[in-house]
């Protein structure tokens, strides 16, 4: 695991990484269908490695 893998990302950064809108990220959190996330007070954050694992595990027929 590299130092880059443990990078903490904002919802906007994850949206850019996945090429989706920030609004899509909000919807995924609401419906619990997106990558794992954590709340830090009022802030939502993601671990880069968890986002990439979530993406790799998506069903390509989805």
C-alpha atoms as a PDB file:
ATOM      1  CA  UNK A   1       0.000   0.000   0.000  1.00  0.00           C
ATOM      2  CA  UNK A   2       1.413   3.372  -0.953  1.00  0.00           C
ATOM      3  CA  UNK A   3       1.001   6.645   0.896  1.00  0.00           C
ATOM      4  CA  UNK A   4      -1.205   7.776  -2.009  1.00  0.00           C
ATOM      5  CA  UNK A   5      -3.664   4.916  -1.281  1.00  0.00           C
ATOM      6  CA  UNK A   6      -4.466   6.306   2.164  1.00  0.00           C
ATOM      7  CA  UNK A   7      -5.181   9.774   0.774  1.00  0.00           C
ATOM      8  CA  UNK A   8      -8.318  11.373   2.208  1.00  0.00           C
ATOM      9  CA  UNK A   9     -10.585  12.849  -0.477  1.00  0.00           C
ATOM     10  CA  UNK A  10     -13.503  15.264  -0.497  1.00  0.00           C
ATOM     11  CA  UNK A  11     -16.759  14.357  -2.289  1.00  0.00           C
ATOM     12  CA  UNK A  12     -15.771  16.755  -5.078  1.00  0.00           C
ATOM     13  CA  UNK A  13     -12.421  15.023  -5.552  1.00  0.00           C
ATOM     14  CA  UNK A  14     -14.100  11.607  -5.692  1.00  0.00           C
ATOM     15  CA  UNK A  15     -16.647  12.921  -8.194  1.00  0.00           C
ATOM     16  CA  UNK A  16     -13.768  14.112 -10.382  1.00  0.00           C
ATOM     17  CA  UNK A  17     -11.911  10.807  -9.974  1.00  0.00           C
ATOM     18  CA  UNK A  18     -15.006   8.819 -11.027  1.00  0.00           C
ATOM     19  CA  UNK A  19     -16.097  11.340 -13.701  1.00  0.00           C
ATOM     20  CA  UNK A  20     -19.513  11.920 -12.128  1.00  0.00           C
ATOM     21  CA  UNK A  21     -21.163  15.042 -10.750  1.00  0.00           C
ATOM     22  CA  UNK A  22     -21.018  16.050  -7.084  1.00  0.00           C
ATOM     23  CA  UNK A  23     -24.805  15.672  -7.121  1.00  0.00           C
ATOM     24  CA  UNK A  24     -24.375  12.000  -8.087  1.00  0.00           C
ATOM     25  CA  UNK A  25     -22.076  11.594  -5.089  1.00  0.00           C
ATOM     26  CA  UNK A  26     -24.799  13.050  -2.845  1.00  0.00           C
ATOM     27  CA  UNK A  27     -27.371  10.648  -4.291  1.00  0.00           C
ATOM     28  CA  UNK A  28     -25.065   7.670  -3.789  1.00  0.00           C
ATOM     29  CA  UNK A  29     -24.559   8.633  -0.128  1.00  0.00           C
ATOM     30  CA  UNK A  30     -28.296   9.069   0.382  1.00  0.00           C
ATOM     31  CA  UNK A  31     -29.105   5.694  -1.176  1.00  0.00           C
ATOM     32  CA  UNK A  32     -25.976   3.985   0.210  1.00  0.00           C
ATOM     33  CA  UNK A  33     -25.008   2.746  -3.260  1.00  0.00           C
ATOM     34  CA  UNK A  34     -21.685   4.540  -3.676  1.00  0.00           C
ATOM     35  CA  UNK A  35     -18.232   4.086  -2.240  1.00  0.00           C
ATOM     36  CA  UNK A  36     -17.733   3.944   1.547  1.00  0.00           C
ATOM     37  CA  UNK A  37     -17.507   7.328   3.242  1.00  0.00           C
ATOM     38  CA  UNK A  38     -17.011   8.818   6.687  1.00  0.00           C
ATOM     39  CA  UNK A  39     -18.375  11.873   8.401  1.00  0.00           C
ATOM     40  CA  UNK A  40     -16.041  14.238  10.239  1.00  0.00           C
ATOM     41  CA  UNK A  41     -18.453  16.552  11.982  1.00  0.00           C
ATOM     42  CA  UNK A  42     -20.274  18.200   9.070  1.00  0.00           C
ATOM     43  CA  UNK A  43     -17.706  17.064   6.500  1.00  0.00           C
ATOM     44  CA  UNK A  44     -17.847  13.915   4.361  1.00  0.00           C
ATOM     45  CA  UNK A  45     -14.575  12.237   3.420  1.00  0.00           C
ATOM     46  CA  UNK A  46     -13.455   9.177   1.470  1.00  0.00           C
ATOM     47  CA  UNK A  47     -10.326   7.044   1.518  1.00  0.00           C
ATOM     48  CA  UNK A  48      -8.903   6.786  -1.995  1.00  0.00           C
ATOM     49  CA  UNK A  49      -8.132   3.059  -1.683  1.00  0.00           C
ATOM     50  CA  UNK A  50     -11.724   2.285  -0.618  1.00  0.00           C
ATOM     51  CA  UNK A  51     -13.135   4.238  -3.558  1.00  0.00           C
ATOM     52  CA  UNK A  52     -10.907   2.307  -5.969  1.00  0.00           C
ATOM     53  CA  UNK A  53     -11.798  -1.062  -4.387  1.00  0.00           C
ATOM     54  CA  UNK A  54     -15.507  -0.171  -4.589  1.00  0.00           C
ATOM     55  CA  UNK A  55     -15.074   0.741  -8.265  1.00  0.00           C
ATOM     56  CA  UNK A  56     -13.169  -2.446  -9.073  1.00  0.00           C
ATOM     57  CA  UNK A  57     -15.893  -4.560  -7.462  1.00  0.00           C
ATOM     58  CA  UNK A  58     -18.718  -3.033  -9.512  1.00  0.00           C
ATOM     59  CA  UNK A  59     -20.587  -5.474 -11.717  1.00  0.00           C
ATOM     60  CA  UNK A  60     -19.770  -4.566 -15.307  1.00  0.00           C
ATOM     61  CA  UNK A  61     -23.299  -5.654 -16.324  1.00  0.00           C
ATOM     62  CA  UNK A  62     -24.709  -3.112 -13.821  1.00  0.00           C
END
